[in-house]
């Protein structure tokens, strides 16, 4: 039979083991809490950067946010839905949310129609996971005259990157050429022309028509000359023939 001393010793060992387990559990709990707090503070810092960072830096901020969306989604959703916030901040929030939720795709497609070239690049990257939903919406906007020239031009730029082999380019090329040659900002014009390079073949004819139309303004025809020189490089077509 087990002696009383042995029983007491085993009981002491059991209590010691239980105490050690409790200490370890508390320790792990404290460490986990510290880590959660660190991640929460890091996410808050990234959300602050999301609101003010240059658009050229935004992809880096979005990539860092993407690792733990559950830590920032509610705060960013509140920012996106707050009409009192500046439009640019709300757009940034919608971009961040759309990377993880396709429900935001229609609103982001609408945002794209008024975007600057830098904004357009970031928005298109956010839409890439939902290409199957975004591309038909973009084609619908591009075909709709009610979208307006500036909106159709931006939709065309996005589609030139995401669906350059689409069947509708010949149909929409005249409207895209008209909007492109009407662009008055030289920096925007250079950016849009670069974006449209993948679909330059169907655009050369309509832009050439604008270049040769004496009824149009000298300014627009000069822009058409510049666009033709750019789009015509390395293509099978030659607008001068």
Protein backbone atom coordinates (compact mmCIF):
# COMPACT_ATOMS: atom_id res chain seq x y z
CA UNK A 1 0.00 0.00 0.00
CA UNK A 2 1.05 3.61 -0.70
CA UNK A 3 2.46 5.29 2.39
CA UNK A 4 1.05 8.56 3.68
CA UNK A 5 4.30 10.34 2.81
CA UNK A 6 4.12 9.13 -0.78
CA UNK A 7 0.52 10.27 -1.11
CA UNK A 8 1.41 13.67 0.25
CA UNK A 9 4.36 13.92 -2.16
CA UNK A 10 2.19 13.02 -5.15
CA UNK A 11 -0.43 15.50 -4.09
CA UNK A 12 2.21 18.19 -3.87
CA UNK A 13 3.47 17.29 -7.33
CA UNK A 14 -0.07 17.47 -8.73
CA UNK A 15 -0.65 20.85 -7.16
CA UNK A 16 2.70 22.09 -8.48
CA UNK A 17 1.86 20.86 -11.98
CA UNK A 18 -1.56 22.49 -11.83
CA UNK A 19 -0.01 25.75 -10.62
CA UNK A 20 2.58 25.67 -13.39
CA UNK A 21 -0.11 25.00 -16.00
CA UNK A 22 -2.15 27.90 -14.66
CA UNK A 23 0.87 30.22 -14.78
CA UNK A 24 1.65 29.15 -18.34
CA UNK A 25 -1.98 29.66 -19.39
CA UNK A 26 -2.02 33.13 -17.87
CA UNK A 27 1.31 33.89 -19.52
CA UNK A 28 0.13 32.74 -22.93
CA UNK A 29 -3.07 34.71 -22.45
CA UNK A 30 -1.13 37.85 -21.62
CA UNK A 31 1.15 37.36 -24.61
CA UNK A 32 -1.83 36.78 -26.89
CA UNK A 33 -3.49 39.92 -25.53
CA UNK A 34 -0.34 41.95 -26.09
CA UNK A 35 -0.09 40.62 -29.64
CA UNK A 36 -3.75 41.43 -30.35
CA UNK A 37 -3.21 44.94 -29.00
CA UNK A 38 -0.12 45.36 -31.15
CA UNK A 39 -1.98 44.26 -34.25
CA UNK A 40 -4.92 46.51 -33.44
CA UNK A 41 -2.66 49.53 -33.01
CA UNK A 42 -0.83 48.64 -36.21
CA UNK A 43 -4.13 48.40 -38.08
CA UNK A 44 -5.25 51.77 -36.72
CA UNK A 45 -1.99 53.29 -37.90
CA UNK A 46 -2.48 51.79 -41.36
CA UNK A 47 -6.05 53.09 -41.53
CA UNK A 48 -4.69 56.55 -40.72
CA UNK A 49 -2.19 56.15 -43.55
CA UNK A 50 -4.98 54.93 -45.84
CA UNK A 51 -6.76 58.24 -45.36
CA UNK A 52 -3.82 60.53 -46.21
CA UNK A 53 -1.13 58.62 -48.15
CA UNK A 54 -0.27 59.66 -51.70
CA UNK A 55 -2.12 57.52 -54.21
CA UNK A 56 1.20 56.25 -55.50
CA UNK A 57 1.90 54.80 -52.01
CA UNK A 58 -1.57 53.45 -51.45
CA UNK A 59 -0.90 49.95 -52.89
CA UNK A 60 1.72 49.37 -50.19
CA UNK A 61 -0.70 50.46 -47.45
CA UNK A 62 -3.45 48.27 -48.89
CA UNK A 63 -1.11 45.28 -49.05
CA UNK A 64 -0.27 45.67 -45.36
CA UNK A 65 -3.94 46.05 -44.44
CA UNK A 66 -4.84 42.95 -46.40
CA UNK A 67 -3.27 40.53 -43.93
CA UNK A 68 -5.87 41.01 -41.16
CA UNK A 69 -9.06 42.61 -42.54
CA UNK A 70 -11.08 41.63 -39.47
CA UNK A 71 -9.09 44.18 -37.45
CA UNK A 72 -9.97 47.19 -39.62
CA UNK A 73 -13.03 46.33 -41.72
CA UNK A 74 -15.57 47.93 -39.37
CA UNK A 75 -13.63 51.18 -38.99
CA UNK A 76 -13.04 51.48 -42.73
CA UNK A 77 -16.68 50.63 -43.52
CA UNK A 78 -17.78 53.45 -41.20
CA UNK A 79 -15.40 55.79 -43.04
CA UNK A 80 -16.78 54.75 -46.43
CA UNK A 81 -20.38 55.30 -45.29
CA UNK A 82 -19.84 58.65 -43.55
CA UNK A 83 -21.13 61.47 -45.80
CA UNK A 84 -19.34 63.99 -43.60
CA UNK A 85 -15.93 62.64 -44.61
CA UNK A 86 -14.08 64.08 -47.66
CA UNK A 87 -14.91 62.24 -50.91
CA UNK A 88 -11.28 61.23 -51.41
CA UNK A 89 -11.16 59.51 -48.00
CA UNK A 90 -14.39 57.66 -48.70
CA UNK A 91 -13.02 56.50 -52.06
CA UNK A 92 -9.87 55.16 -50.39
CA UNK A 93 -12.05 53.28 -47.91
CA UNK A 94 -14.15 51.74 -50.70
CA UNK A 95 -10.97 50.61 -52.46
CA UNK A 96 -9.74 48.89 -49.30
CA UNK A 97 -13.09 47.17 -48.70
CA UNK A 98 -13.51 46.05 -52.31
CA UNK A 99 -10.29 44.04 -52.18
CA UNK A 100 -12.01 41.65 -49.77
CA UNK A 101 -15.71 41.95 -50.67
CA UNK A 102 -17.15 41.84 -54.18
CA UNK A 103 -20.27 43.66 -52.96
CA UNK A 104 -18.27 46.87 -53.34
CA UNK A 105 -17.54 46.33 -57.04
CA UNK A 106 -20.46 48.34 -58.54
CA UNK A 107 -19.69 51.40 -56.42
CA UNK A 108 -16.00 51.19 -57.25
CA UNK A 109 -16.77 50.96 -60.98
CA UNK A 110 -18.77 54.17 -60.62
CA UNK A 111 -15.85 55.75 -58.76
CA UNK A 112 -13.54 54.74 -61.59
CA UNK A 113 -15.45 56.93 -64.05
CA UNK A 114 -14.15 60.13 -62.44
CA UNK A 115 -10.72 58.88 -61.31
CA UNK A 116 -7.34 60.42 -62.00
CA UNK A 117 -4.74 58.18 -63.69
CA UNK A 118 -3.14 57.31 -60.33
CA UNK A 119 -6.51 56.59 -58.76
CA UNK A 120 -7.52 54.50 -61.76
CA UNK A 121 -4.45 52.31 -61.39
CA UNK A 122 -5.21 51.59 -57.72
CA UNK A 123 -8.92 51.01 -58.37
CA UNK A 124 -8.21 48.57 -61.20
CA UNK A 125 -5.87 46.62 -58.96
CA UNK A 126 -8.58 46.39 -56.30
CA UNK A 127 -11.10 45.18 -58.91
CA UNK A 128 -8.80 42.50 -60.33
CA UNK A 129 -10.01 39.68 -57.99
CA UNK A 130 -13.57 40.40 -59.16
CA UNK A 131 -12.77 40.72 -62.86
CA UNK A 132 -15.74 38.54 -63.83
CA UNK A 133 -18.13 41.03 -62.27
CA UNK A 134 -16.23 44.23 -63.06
CA UNK A 135 -15.63 43.73 -66.79
CA UNK A 136 -19.34 43.47 -67.82
CA UNK A 137 -20.12 46.54 -65.71
CA UNK A 138 -17.32 48.47 -67.39
CA UNK A 139 -18.52 47.48 -70.86
CA UNK A 140 -22.01 48.62 -69.93
CA UNK A 141 -20.67 52.01 -68.84
CA UNK A 142 -18.51 52.34 -71.95
CA UNK A 143 -21.40 51.58 -74.33
CA UNK A 144 -23.79 53.96 -72.57
CA UNK A 145 -23.63 57.52 -73.95
CA UNK A 146 -25.20 58.73 -70.70
CA UNK A 147 -21.94 57.86 -68.96
CA UNK A 148 -20.35 60.96 -70.47
CA UNK A 149 -17.13 61.35 -72.43
CA UNK A 150 -14.78 61.47 -69.44
CA UNK A 151 -16.36 58.43 -67.83
CA UNK A 152 -16.33 56.43 -71.05
CA UNK A 153 -12.66 57.27 -71.56
CA UNK A 154 -11.76 55.96 -68.11
CA UNK A 155 -13.87 52.85 -68.56
CA UNK A 156 -12.07 52.25 -71.86
CA UNK A 157 -8.69 52.61 -70.18
CA UNK A 158 -9.64 50.06 -67.54
CA UNK A 159 -10.99 47.63 -70.14
CA UNK A 160 -7.91 48.05 -72.33
CA UNK A 161 -5.97 46.48 -69.49
CA UNK A 162 -8.51 43.90 -68.31
CA UNK A 163 -10.25 42.90 -71.56
CA UNK A 164 -8.19 44.05 -74.59
CA UNK A 165 -9.52 41.15 -76.69
CA UNK A 166 -13.16 42.03 -76.06
CA UNK A 167 -15.45 42.03 -79.07
CA UNK A 168 -16.83 45.53 -78.62
CA UNK A 169 -13.79 47.67 -79.36
CA UNK A 170 -14.63 48.46 -82.99
CA UNK A 171 -18.07 49.67 -81.94
CA UNK A 172 -16.89 51.97 -79.16
CA UNK A 173 -13.64 53.17 -80.78
CA UNK A 174 -15.12 56.39 -82.28
CA UNK A 175 -16.48 57.51 -78.91
CA UNK A 176 -13.22 56.64 -77.16
CA UNK A 177 -11.19 58.51 -79.79
CA UNK A 178 -13.42 61.56 -79.45
CA UNK A 179 -13.06 61.57 -75.65
CA UNK A 180 -9.31 60.96 -75.80
CA UNK A 181 -8.60 63.82 -78.22
CA UNK A 182 -10.83 66.14 -76.17
CA UNK A 183 -8.63 65.68 -73.08
CA UNK A 184 -7.14 69.06 -72.14
CA UNK A 185 -4.75 67.98 -69.38
CA UNK A 186 -1.47 66.94 -71.09
CA UNK A 187 -0.46 64.69 -68.19
CA UNK A 188 -3.81 62.92 -68.23
CA UNK A 189 -3.64 62.65 -72.02
CA UNK A 190 -0.25 60.92 -71.85
CA UNK A 191 -1.53 58.54 -69.18
CA UNK A 192 -4.75 57.65 -71.02
CA UNK A 193 -2.86 57.08 -74.27
CA UNK A 194 -0.50 54.71 -72.50
CA UNK A 195 -3.40 52.83 -70.92
CA UNK A 196 -5.06 52.44 -74.34
CA UNK A 197 -2.04 50.96 -76.10
CA UNK A 198 -3.35 47.37 -75.88
CA UNK A 199 -6.35 48.41 -78.05
CA UNK A 200 -4.56 50.87 -80.32
CA UNK A 201 -5.43 49.00 -83.54
CA UNK A 202 -9.18 49.81 -83.51
CA UNK A 203 -8.50 53.36 -82.28
CA UNK A 204 -6.12 54.46 -85.06
CA UNK A 205 -8.84 54.84 -87.71
CA UNK A 206 -11.20 57.00 -85.62
CA UNK A 207 -8.35 59.16 -84.30
CA UNK A 208 -7.12 59.59 -87.87
CA UNK A 209 -10.60 60.73 -88.88
CA UNK A 210 -10.50 63.40 -86.16
CA UNK A 211 -7.05 64.50 -87.34
CA UNK A 212 -8.31 64.93 -90.88
CA UNK A 213 -11.58 66.70 -90.05
CA UNK A 214 -11.20 70.46 -90.79
CA UNK A 215 -14.48 71.21 -89.02
CA UNK A 216 -12.93 70.38 -85.64
CA UNK A 217 -10.86 72.78 -83.57
CA UNK A 218 -7.15 73.16 -84.25
CA UNK A 219 -6.45 72.15 -80.65
CA UNK A 220 -8.29 68.85 -80.95
CA UNK A 221 -6.65 68.05 -84.27
CA UNK A 222 -3.22 68.76 -82.76
CA UNK A 223 -4.02 66.39 -79.91
CA UNK A 224 -5.08 63.80 -82.49
CA UNK A 225 -1.71 64.20 -84.22
CA UNK A 226 0.11 63.51 -80.95
CA UNK A 227 -2.10 60.53 -80.14
CA UNK A 228 -1.62 59.05 -83.60
CA UNK A 229 2.13 59.38 -83.32
CA UNK A 230 2.06 57.55 -80.01
CA UNK A 231 -0.51 54.87 -80.78
CA UNK A 232 0.92 54.26 -84.26
CA UNK A 233 4.28 53.07 -82.98
CA UNK A 234 4.85 49.39 -83.61
CA UNK A 235 1.40 48.62 -85.01
CA UNK A 236 0.40 46.83 -88.17
CA UNK A 237 -1.80 49.78 -89.16
CA UNK A 238 -0.42 53.11 -90.30
CA UNK A 239 -2.80 56.05 -90.19
CA UNK A 240 -0.71 57.97 -92.74
CA UNK A 241 -1.35 55.48 -95.55
